[in-house]
C-alpha cells in the first residue's frame, strides 16, 4: 500500500512539473517566434526604404 501511494505521488509530481515546464517553454517559444517575425518585417522594410532612397529621381517616378 505504501509503495502504491508513493508511486502515485511521484507520478503526480512529475506530471505537474512537466506541465509547468512545458507551459514556460511554449511561452518562450511563441514570444521568440513573434519577435523574430517582427524583426524580419522591420529589416525587409528597411531594405525597401534604402532602395528607394538610392534610386535616381527619374527611376523613382517609373515605379
N, C-alpha and C. Protein backbone atom coordinates (compact mmCIF):
# COMPACT_ATOMS: atom_id res chain seq x y z
N UNK A 1 0.83 -1.20 0.00
CA UNK A 1 0.00 0.00 0.00
C UNK A 1 0.87 1.26 0.00
N UNK A 2 1.93 1.23 0.80
CA UNK A 2 2.80 2.40 0.85
C UNK A 2 3.48 2.64 -0.49
N UNK A 3 3.87 1.53 -1.14
CA UNK A 3 4.53 1.66 -2.43
C UNK A 3 3.58 2.27 -3.47
N UNK A 4 2.32 1.88 -3.44
CA UNK A 4 1.33 2.41 -4.38
C UNK A 4 1.12 3.91 -4.15
N UNK A 5 0.99 4.32 -2.92
CA UNK A 5 0.83 5.75 -2.63
C UNK A 5 2.07 6.54 -3.03
N UNK A 6 3.24 5.97 -2.79
CA UNK A 6 4.48 6.63 -3.18
C UNK A 6 4.54 6.78 -4.70
N UNK A 7 4.21 5.72 -5.41
CA UNK A 7 4.24 5.74 -6.86
C UNK A 7 3.24 6.75 -7.43
N UNK A 8 2.04 6.79 -6.90
CA UNK A 8 1.02 7.74 -7.36
C UNK A 8 1.46 9.17 -7.08
N UNK A 9 2.02 9.42 -5.91
CA UNK A 9 2.51 10.75 -5.59
C UNK A 9 3.66 11.17 -6.48
N UNK A 10 4.57 10.24 -6.76
CA UNK A 10 5.69 10.53 -7.65
C UNK A 10 5.21 10.85 -9.06
N UNK A 11 4.29 10.05 -9.55
CA UNK A 11 3.75 10.26 -10.89
C UNK A 11 3.01 11.60 -10.98
N UNK A 12 2.26 11.94 -9.97
CA UNK A 12 1.54 13.22 -9.94
C UNK A 12 2.52 14.39 -9.92
N UNK A 13 3.55 14.28 -9.10
CA UNK A 13 4.55 15.35 -9.03
C UNK A 13 5.28 15.55 -10.34
N UNK A 14 5.65 14.45 -10.98
CA UNK A 14 6.33 14.54 -12.27
C UNK A 14 5.41 15.14 -13.32
N UNK A 15 4.15 14.75 -13.31
CA UNK A 15 3.19 15.28 -14.29
C UNK A 15 2.99 16.78 -14.12
N UNK A 16 2.82 17.22 -12.90
CA UNK A 16 2.61 18.65 -12.64
C UNK A 16 3.85 19.44 -13.02
N UNK A 17 5.02 18.93 -12.67
CA UNK A 17 6.26 19.61 -13.02
C UNK A 17 6.43 19.69 -14.53
N UNK A 18 6.17 18.61 -15.23
CA UNK A 18 6.28 18.60 -16.69
C UNK A 18 5.30 19.58 -17.31
N UNK A 19 4.12 19.68 -16.76
CA UNK A 19 3.13 20.63 -17.28
C UNK A 19 3.64 22.06 -17.18
N UNK A 20 4.15 22.45 -16.01
CA UNK A 20 4.60 23.83 -15.83
C UNK A 20 5.86 24.13 -16.64
N UNK A 21 6.75 23.17 -16.76
CA UNK A 21 7.94 23.38 -17.59
C UNK A 21 7.54 23.54 -19.05
N UNK A 22 6.65 22.69 -19.53
CA UNK A 22 6.17 22.80 -20.91
C UNK A 22 5.45 24.10 -21.17
N UNK A 23 4.71 24.56 -20.20
CA UNK A 23 3.99 25.83 -20.33
C UNK A 23 4.98 26.99 -20.50
N UNK A 24 6.04 27.00 -19.70
CA UNK A 24 7.05 28.06 -19.80
C UNK A 24 7.82 27.97 -21.11
N UNK A 25 8.15 26.76 -21.53
CA UNK A 25 8.85 26.61 -22.80
C UNK A 25 7.99 27.09 -23.95
N UNK A 26 6.70 26.79 -23.94
CA UNK A 26 5.81 27.23 -25.01
C UNK A 26 5.70 28.75 -25.02
N UNK A 27 5.62 29.36 -23.84
CA UNK A 27 5.54 30.81 -23.75
C UNK A 27 6.81 31.45 -24.35
N UNK A 28 7.96 30.90 -24.01
CA UNK A 28 9.23 31.41 -24.55
C UNK A 28 9.27 31.22 -26.06
N UNK A 29 8.86 30.04 -26.54
CA UNK A 29 8.90 29.75 -27.97
C UNK A 29 8.02 30.71 -28.77
N UNK A 30 6.79 30.93 -28.30
CA UNK A 30 5.90 31.83 -29.03
C UNK A 30 6.42 33.26 -28.99
N UNK A 31 6.94 33.70 -27.86
CA UNK A 31 7.48 35.05 -27.76
C UNK A 31 8.66 35.22 -28.71
N UNK A 32 9.53 34.22 -28.77
CA UNK A 32 10.71 34.29 -29.62
C UNK A 32 10.32 34.32 -31.10
N UNK A 33 9.37 33.48 -31.50
CA UNK A 33 9.00 33.44 -32.91
C UNK A 33 8.29 34.72 -33.33
N UNK A 34 7.47 35.29 -32.47
CA UNK A 34 6.80 36.55 -32.80
C UNK A 34 7.83 37.67 -32.94
N UNK A 35 8.80 37.73 -32.03
CA UNK A 35 9.84 38.75 -32.13
C UNK A 35 10.67 38.56 -33.38
N UNK A 36 10.95 37.32 -33.76
CA UNK A 36 11.74 37.05 -34.95
C UNK A 36 10.98 37.50 -36.20
N UNK A 37 9.68 37.26 -36.26
CA UNK A 37 8.88 37.69 -37.41
C UNK A 37 8.84 39.21 -37.49
N UNK A 38 8.69 39.88 -36.35
CA UNK A 38 8.68 41.34 -36.35
C UNK A 38 10.02 41.89 -36.81
N UNK A 39 11.11 41.28 -36.38
CA UNK A 39 12.44 41.72 -36.79
C UNK A 39 12.62 41.53 -38.29
N UNK A 40 12.15 40.42 -38.83
CA UNK A 40 12.25 40.18 -40.27
C UNK A 40 11.47 41.23 -41.05
N UNK A 41 10.28 41.59 -40.56
CA UNK A 41 9.48 42.61 -41.24
C UNK A 41 10.19 43.96 -41.23
N UNK A 42 10.77 44.32 -40.09
CA UNK A 42 11.46 45.61 -39.98
C UNK A 42 12.67 45.64 -40.90
N UNK A 43 13.43 44.56 -40.95
CA UNK A 43 14.60 44.51 -41.83
C UNK A 43 14.20 44.60 -43.30
N UNK A 44 13.12 43.93 -43.65
CA UNK A 44 12.64 43.98 -45.03
C UNK A 44 12.19 45.40 -45.39
N UNK A 45 11.47 46.04 -44.49
CA UNK A 45 11.03 47.41 -44.72
C UNK A 45 12.22 48.35 -44.82
N UNK A 46 13.22 48.15 -43.97
CA UNK A 46 14.42 48.98 -44.00
C UNK A 46 15.15 48.84 -45.34
N UNK A 47 15.22 47.62 -45.87
CA UNK A 47 15.86 47.41 -47.17
C UNK A 47 15.09 48.12 -48.28
N UNK A 48 13.77 48.08 -48.22
CA UNK A 48 12.97 48.76 -49.24
C UNK A 48 13.17 50.28 -49.19
N UNK A 49 13.25 50.81 -47.98
CA UNK A 49 13.46 52.26 -47.82
C UNK A 49 14.83 52.64 -48.37
N UNK A 50 15.84 51.84 -48.09
CA UNK A 50 17.19 52.12 -48.61
C UNK A 50 17.20 52.09 -50.13
N UNK A 51 16.50 51.12 -50.72
CA UNK A 51 16.45 51.04 -52.18
C UNK A 51 15.78 52.27 -52.77
N UNK A 52 14.70 52.73 -52.16
CA UNK A 52 14.00 53.91 -52.67
C UNK A 52 14.86 55.16 -52.54
N UNK A 53 15.63 55.27 -51.48
CA UNK A 53 16.49 56.44 -51.30
C UNK A 53 17.64 56.44 -52.29
N UNK A 54 18.10 55.26 -52.69
CA UNK A 54 19.25 55.17 -53.59
C UNK A 54 18.86 55.31 -55.06
N UNK A 55 17.60 55.25 -55.39
CA UNK A 55 17.17 55.40 -56.78
C UNK A 55 17.35 56.84 -57.25
N UNK A 56 17.59 56.96 -58.52
CA UNK A 56 17.66 58.30 -59.11
C UNK A 56 16.24 58.86 -59.22
N UNK A 57 16.09 60.19 -59.27
CA UNK A 57 14.74 60.77 -59.34
C UNK A 57 13.94 60.28 -60.55
N UNK A 58 14.57 60.07 -61.71
CA UNK A 58 13.82 59.60 -62.88
C UNK A 58 13.37 58.15 -62.68
N UNK A 59 14.19 57.35 -62.04
CA UNK A 59 13.81 55.97 -61.79
C UNK A 59 12.68 55.89 -60.76
N UNK A 60 12.66 56.82 -59.85
CA UNK A 60 11.65 56.81 -58.80
C UNK A 60 10.25 57.02 -59.38
N UNK A 61 10.14 57.87 -60.41
CA UNK A 61 8.83 58.13 -61.00
C UNK A 61 8.34 56.96 -61.84
N UNK A 62 9.24 56.11 -62.31
CA UNK A 62 8.83 54.96 -63.10
C UNK A 62 8.21 53.87 -62.24
N UNK A 63 8.49 53.87 -60.93
CA UNK A 63 7.90 52.86 -60.05
C UNK A 63 6.46 53.21 -59.85
